Amino acid sequence: MEKLNITSHKPAADCELLTASTGLHSPMYFFLSNLATMDIICTSTILPKVLVGLAAQEHIISYAGCMAQLFFLIWSGSSELLLLSVMAFDRYVAICRPLHYGTIMSPRVCVVLAGSVWGICAMNASVNTGLTAMLTFCGPRVIEHFFCEIPPLLLLSCSPTRVNSIMTLLADGFYGFTNFLLTLASYVCIMASILRIRSREGKRRAFTTCSSHLIVVSVYYSAVSCAYISPASSYSPERSKVAGVMYTVLSPTLNPLIYSLRNKDVHRALGNMLPFCQR
């Protein structure tokens, strides 16, 4: 079995608490539960192997393990980018078209949107992982990273990587640039609607509804851009490691704090389940 060496860092992670409270049965919380699942997949793909390596001081991963890690990382990462756009659309409908919200964001539509996100991104992960698995690695098999991802693996290949680079660029363009534009367009419309609200309290409540999502989008897109939106020739291992920590550890850790712990609906749900959480 081929082995690949991995230099490791020591990240930490958290996962989001999901409840069965009827007060959380809305499109926003449905998509939030999907986001939490993606975060769990992402951290579960990376952290166990990193922690084992730190404990055993043996930073080695099998070739099959590396490909599996790459698949689940691409799947969860691209799914999160696409879902953030869906969540931005949800906020757009809630603020700009509130009277039609129940019709547009019906349970069936929400399930179709979430299923499409998972399916499209699974296909993307399969294609990119399959192309990477077809490469030949004949030389130093030391990955300058603490997990397997496309840029450092392409640098280790001694076979042509043109097709891989093109597919990675296309995926970056769709999941990064296109989704960023869709999210930006949604928030331009949202801000225009908020500015038309006359009362100060109405503006504050509308902005509060979107602020959590804006923070998560900013953190996640910044990290992913640093890791992927750059030519292979300018790849920096240290910069990639920092970006990797941000989108595989920091973002999943902050999501429950940003979305849930400052939300009154979640506070009430936690209070119903855990009486000592009540204020």
Protein backbone atom coordinates (compact mmCIF):
# COMPACT_ATOMS: atom_id res chain seq x y z
CA MET A 1 0.00 0.00 0.00
CA GLU A 2 1.40 3.36 -0.98
CA LYS A 3 1.88 5.88 1.83
CA LEU A 4 1.85 9.64 1.80
CA ASN A 5 3.47 11.72 4.52
CA ILE A 6 1.57 14.70 5.83
CA THR A 7 2.90 17.56 7.92
CA SER A 8 0.30 18.36 10.58
CA HIS A 9 -1.06 21.27 12.56
CA LYS A 10 -3.28 21.02 15.62
CA PRO A 11 -6.74 22.37 14.82
CA ALA A 12 -9.78 22.09 17.06
CA ALA A 13 -13.42 21.80 16.08
CA ASP A 14 -16.95 21.98 17.32
CA CYS A 15 -20.24 20.80 15.89
CA GLU A 16 -23.62 22.38 15.83
CA LEU A 17 -26.39 21.34 18.20
CA LEU A 18 -29.60 20.56 16.33
CA THR A 19 -32.96 20.24 18.07
CA ALA A 20 -36.33 18.81 17.22
CA SER A 21 -38.18 21.88 18.49
CA THR A 22 -41.22 22.79 16.42
CA GLY A 23 -40.14 26.43 16.66
CA LEU A 24 -37.17 25.61 14.45
CA HIS A 25 -39.17 24.00 11.64
CA SER A 26 -38.69 26.73 9.02
CA PRO A 27 -36.69 26.93 5.76
CA MET A 28 -33.89 28.90 7.43
CA TYR A 29 -33.36 26.24 10.11
CA PHE A 30 -33.77 23.43 7.59
CA PHE A 31 -30.90 24.83 5.55
CA LEU A 32 -28.98 25.49 8.76
CA SER A 33 -29.28 21.80 9.68
CA ASN A 34 -27.81 20.93 6.27
CA LEU A 35 -24.98 23.38 6.88
CA ALA A 36 -24.30 21.74 10.25
CA THR A 37 -24.16 18.31 8.57
CA MET A 38 -21.64 19.61 6.03
CA ASP A 39 -19.51 21.04 8.83
CA ILE A 40 -19.59 17.71 10.67
CA ILE A 41 -18.53 15.83 7.52
CA CYS A 42 -15.71 18.31 6.91
CA THR A 43 -14.26 18.22 10.44
CA SER A 44 -14.78 14.45 10.76
CA THR A 45 -12.82 13.98 7.52
CA ILE A 46 -9.83 15.99 8.72
CA LEU A 47 -9.52 16.08 12.50
CA PRO A 48 -9.46 12.38 13.52
CA LYS A 49 -6.47 11.67 11.28
CA VAL A 50 -4.71 14.85 12.39
CA LEU A 51 -5.23 14.05 16.09
CA VAL A 52 -4.03 10.46 15.63
CA GLY A 53 -0.94 11.78 13.87
CA LEU A 54 -0.23 14.23 16.67
CA ALA A 55 -0.68 11.57 19.34
CA ALA A 56 1.42 8.93 17.58
CA GLN A 57 3.90 11.40 16.02
CA GLU A 58 3.43 9.52 12.75
CA HIS A 59 1.98 11.76 10.05
CA ILE A 60 1.22 9.11 7.43
CA ILE A 61 -1.92 8.42 5.45
CA SER A 62 -2.56 5.61 2.98
CA TYR A 63 -3.20 6.40 -0.68
CA ALA A 64 -6.80 5.16 -0.43
CA GLY A 65 -7.29 7.17 2.75
CA CYS A 66 -5.95 10.26 1.04
CA MET A 67 -8.38 9.88 -1.88
CA ALA A 68 -11.30 9.30 0.52
CA GLN A 69 -10.32 12.37 2.50
CA LEU A 70 -10.09 14.40 -0.70
CA PHE A 71 -13.57 13.27 -1.84
CA PHE A 72 -15.35 14.15 1.41
CA LEU A 73 -13.46 17.42 1.72
CA ILE A 74 -14.45 18.53 -1.80
CA TRP A 75 -18.01 17.30 -1.26
CA SER A 76 -18.57 19.17 2.00
CA GLY A 77 -16.64 22.28 0.93
CA SER A 78 -18.41 22.77 -2.40
CA SER A 79 -21.76 21.93 -0.78
CA GLU A 80 -21.24 24.66 1.79
CA LEU A 81 -20.48 27.26 -0.89
CA LEU A 82 -23.58 26.30 -2.87
CA LEU A 83 -25.77 26.15 0.23
CA LEU A 84 -24.64 29.62 1.31
CA SER A 85 -26.07 30.92 -1.97
CA VAL A 86 -29.34 29.06 -1.34
CA MET A 87 -29.49 30.56 2.16
CA ALA A 88 -28.88 34.03 0.72
CA PHE A 89 -31.82 33.46 -1.65
CA ASP A 90 -33.92 32.38 1.33
CA ARG A 91 -33.11 35.64 3.12
CA TYR A 92 -33.88 37.59 -0.07
CA VAL A 93 -37.35 36.05 -0.33
CA ALA A 94 -37.99 36.55 3.41
CA ILE A 95 -37.17 40.27 3.28
CA CYS A 96 -37.98 41.35 -0.26
CA ARG A 97 -41.03 39.15 -0.89
CA PRO A 98 -42.41 38.33 2.58
CA LEU A 99 -46.02 37.81 1.43
CA HIS A 100 -44.93 35.08 -0.98
CA TYR A 101 -42.35 33.49 1.32
CA GLY A 102 -44.49 30.49 2.31
CA THR A 103 -45.27 29.72 -1.32
CA ILE A 104 -41.80 30.21 -2.79
CA MET A 105 -39.91 28.48 0.04
CA SER A 106 -42.35 25.61 0.51
CA PRO A 107 -41.12 22.41 2.21
CA ARG A 108 -40.97 20.63 -1.14
CA VAL A 109 -38.88 23.41 -2.71
CA CYS A 110 -36.51 23.38 0.27
CA VAL A 111 -36.01 19.61 0.01
CA VAL A 112 -35.37 19.87 -3.74
CA LEU A 113 -32.84 22.68 -3.23
CA ALA A 114 -30.98 20.82 -0.48
CA GLY A 115 -31.01 17.56 -2.44
CA SER A 116 -29.70 19.34 -5.53
CA VAL A 117 -26.86 20.86 -3.51
CA TRP A 118 -25.79 17.46 -2.16
CA GLY A 119 -26.16 15.72 -5.54
CA ILE A 120 -24.36 18.33 -7.67
CA CYS A 121 -21.50 18.58 -5.22
CA ALA A 122 -21.16 14.79 -4.90
CA MET A 123 -20.75 14.65 -8.67
CA ASN A 124 -18.14 17.41 -8.55
CA ALA A 125 -16.25 15.59 -5.80
CA SER A 126 -16.38 12.31 -7.73
CA VAL A 127 -15.00 13.88 -10.92
CA ASN A 128 -12.15 15.74 -9.25
CA THR A 129 -11.22 12.85 -6.97
CA GLY A 130 -11.31 10.42 -9.89
CA LEU A 131 -9.03 12.65 -11.98
CA THR A 132 -6.61 12.98 -9.06
CA ALA A 133 -6.59 9.20 -8.53
CA MET A 134 -5.51 8.76 -12.17
CA LEU A 135 -2.31 10.73 -11.59
CA THR A 136 1.05 9.06 -11.07
CA PHE A 137 3.07 10.00 -7.98
CA CYS A 138 6.72 9.04 -8.40
CA GLY A 139 9.02 10.97 -6.17
CA PRO A 140 8.93 12.47 -2.70
CA ARG A 141 5.47 11.63 -1.38
CA VAL A 142 5.42 14.31 1.28
CA ILE A 143 2.38 16.57 1.28
CA GLU A 144 3.14 20.03 2.64
CA HIS A 145 -0.21 20.16 4.37
CA PHE A 146 -2.07 18.53 7.25
CA PHE A 147 -4.69 16.93 4.95
CA CYS A 148 -5.07 15.89 1.31
CA GLU A 149 -6.35 18.55 -1.09
CA ILE A 150 -5.92 19.16 -4.80
CA PRO A 151 -3.21 21.90 -5.07
CA PRO A 152 -0.46 20.11 -3.07
CA LEU A 153 -1.30 16.76 -4.70
CA LEU A 154 -0.94 18.22 -8.20
CA LEU A 155 2.53 19.49 -7.28
CA LEU A 156 3.57 15.93 -6.36
CA SER A 157 2.42 14.38 -9.64
CA CYS A 158 4.95 13.38 -12.28
CA SER A 159 2.20 12.90 -14.90
CA PRO A 160 0.42 15.67 -16.85
CA THR A 161 -2.04 17.62 -14.71
CA ARG A 162 -3.55 19.86 -17.41
CA VAL A 163 -7.00 18.22 -17.28
CA ASN A 164 -6.99 18.33 -13.48
CA SER A 165 -6.07 22.01 -13.50
CA ILE A 166 -8.83 22.84 -16.01
CA MET A 167 -11.49 20.95 -14.02
CA THR A 168 -10.31 22.57 -10.80
CA LEU A 169 -10.47 25.99 -12.44
CA LEU A 170 -14.01 25.32 -13.73
CA ALA A 171 -15.12 24.15 -10.28
CA ASP A 172 -13.51 27.22 -8.69
CA GLY A 173 -15.32 29.45 -11.17
CA PHE A 174 -18.72 27.91 -10.49
CA TYR A 175 -18.55 27.26 -6.75
CA GLY A 176 -16.47 30.30 -5.92
CA PHE A 177 -17.08 33.12 -8.38
CA THR A 178 -20.62 32.32 -9.60
CA ASN A 179 -21.99 31.59 -6.13
CA PHE A 180 -20.29 34.69 -4.79
CA LEU A 181 -22.03 36.80 -7.46
CA LEU A 182 -25.40 35.18 -6.68
CA THR A 183 -24.94 35.82 -2.96
CA LEU A 184 -23.82 39.39 -3.65
CA ALA A 185 -26.84 40.03 -5.90
CA SER A 186 -29.19 38.71 -3.21
CA TYR A 187 -27.72 41.03 -0.61
CA VAL A 188 -27.78 44.06 -2.91
CA CYS A 189 -31.54 43.52 -3.25
CA ILE A 190 -31.84 42.90 0.49
CA MET A 191 -29.98 46.08 1.40
CA ALA A 192 -32.10 48.08 -1.03
CA SER A 193 -35.24 46.74 0.65
CA ILE A 194 -33.89 47.43 4.13
CA LEU A 195 -33.11 51.05 3.21
CA ARG A 196 -36.73 51.50 2.12
CA ILE A 197 -38.00 50.49 5.57
CA ARG A 198 -39.05 53.64 7.40
CA SER A 199 -38.79 52.60 11.05
CA ARG A 200 -35.39 52.28 12.68
CA GLU A 201 -36.52 49.18 14.58
CA GLY A 202 -37.67 47.54 11.33
CA LYS A 203 -34.30 48.21 9.73
CA ARG A 204 -32.49 46.81 12.76
CA ARG A 205 -34.55 43.61 12.80
CA ALA A 206 -34.13 43.09 9.05
CA PHE A 207 -30.37 43.60 9.23
CA THR A 208 -30.09 41.29 12.26
CA THR A 209 -31.83 38.58 10.23
CA CYS A 210 -29.02 38.69 7.64
CA SER A 211 -25.98 39.61 9.73
CA SER A 212 -25.15 36.04 10.81
CA HIS A 213 -25.17 34.78 7.24
CA LEU A 214 -23.02 37.70 6.06
CA ILE A 215 -20.38 36.96 8.70
CA VAL A 216 -20.22 33.26 7.79
CA VAL A 217 -20.07 34.05 4.06
CA SER A 218 -17.21 36.51 4.59
CA VAL A 219 -15.13 34.10 6.68
CA TYR A 220 -15.70 31.09 4.43
CA TYR A 221 -15.15 32.82 1.09
CA SER A 222 -11.98 34.49 2.38
CA ALA A 223 -10.51 31.14 3.42
CA VAL A 224 -11.52 29.26 0.28
CA SER A 225 -10.22 32.06 -1.96
CA CYS A 226 -6.82 31.94 -0.29
CA ALA A 227 -6.67 28.16 -0.64
CA TYR A 228 -7.97 27.66 -4.19
CA ILE A 229 -8.38 30.87 -6.19
CA SER A 230 -4.76 31.21 -7.22
CA PRO A 231 -2.49 29.75 -9.91
CA ALA A 232 -0.60 26.58 -9.09
CA SER A 233 2.68 28.42 -9.73
CA SER A 234 1.96 30.78 -6.82
CA TYR A 235 0.96 28.01 -4.40
CA SER A 236 2.26 28.68 -0.90
CA PRO A 237 2.20 25.76 1.59
CA GLU A 238 2.10 28.03 4.64
CA ARG A 239 -0.70 30.19 3.25
CA SER A 240 -2.63 27.08 2.25
CA LYS A 241 -2.30 25.63 5.76
CA VAL A 242 -3.66 28.81 7.33
CA ALA A 243 -6.55 28.90 4.85
CA GLY A 244 -7.18 25.20 5.48
CA VAL A 245 -7.50 25.81 9.22
CA MET A 246 -9.97 28.61 8.52
CA TYR A 247 -12.41 26.68 6.34
CA THR A 248 -12.06 23.21 7.92
CA VAL A 249 -11.84 24.24 11.58
CA LEU A 250 -12.56 27.90 12.23
CA SER A 251 -15.68 28.22 10.09
CA PRO A 252 -17.36 25.03 11.43
CA THR A 253 -16.51 26.16 14.97
CA LEU A 254 -17.92 29.65 14.51
CA ASN A 255 -21.09 28.62 12.67
CA PRO A 256 -22.99 27.38 15.75
CA LEU A 257 -21.90 30.46 17.70
CA ILE A 258 -22.85 32.88 14.94
CA TYR A 259 -26.09 31.26 13.84
CA SER A 260 -27.44 29.50 16.89
CA LEU A 261 -26.24 30.80 20.21
CA ARG A 262 -27.29 34.39 19.44
CA ASN A 263 -30.71 33.34 18.13
CA LYS A 264 -33.78 33.65 20.38
CA ASP A 265 -35.55 30.68 18.78
CA VAL A 266 -32.57 28.45 19.53
CA HIS A 267 -32.38 29.82 23.09
CA ARG A 268 -36.03 28.88 23.65
CA ALA A 269 -35.50 25.41 22.15
CA LEU A 270 -32.47 24.81 24.36
CA GLY A 271 -34.45 26.07 27.36
CA ASN A 272 -37.22 23.57 26.65
CA MET A 273 -34.77 20.69 26.31
CA LEU A 274 -32.33 21.76 29.04
CA PRO A 275 -34.04 23.65 31.89
CA PHE A 276 -30.71 24.88 33.26
CA CYS A 277 -30.18 26.80 29.98
CA GLN A 278 -33.15 29.01 30.74
CA ARG A 279 -32.37 32.51 31.89
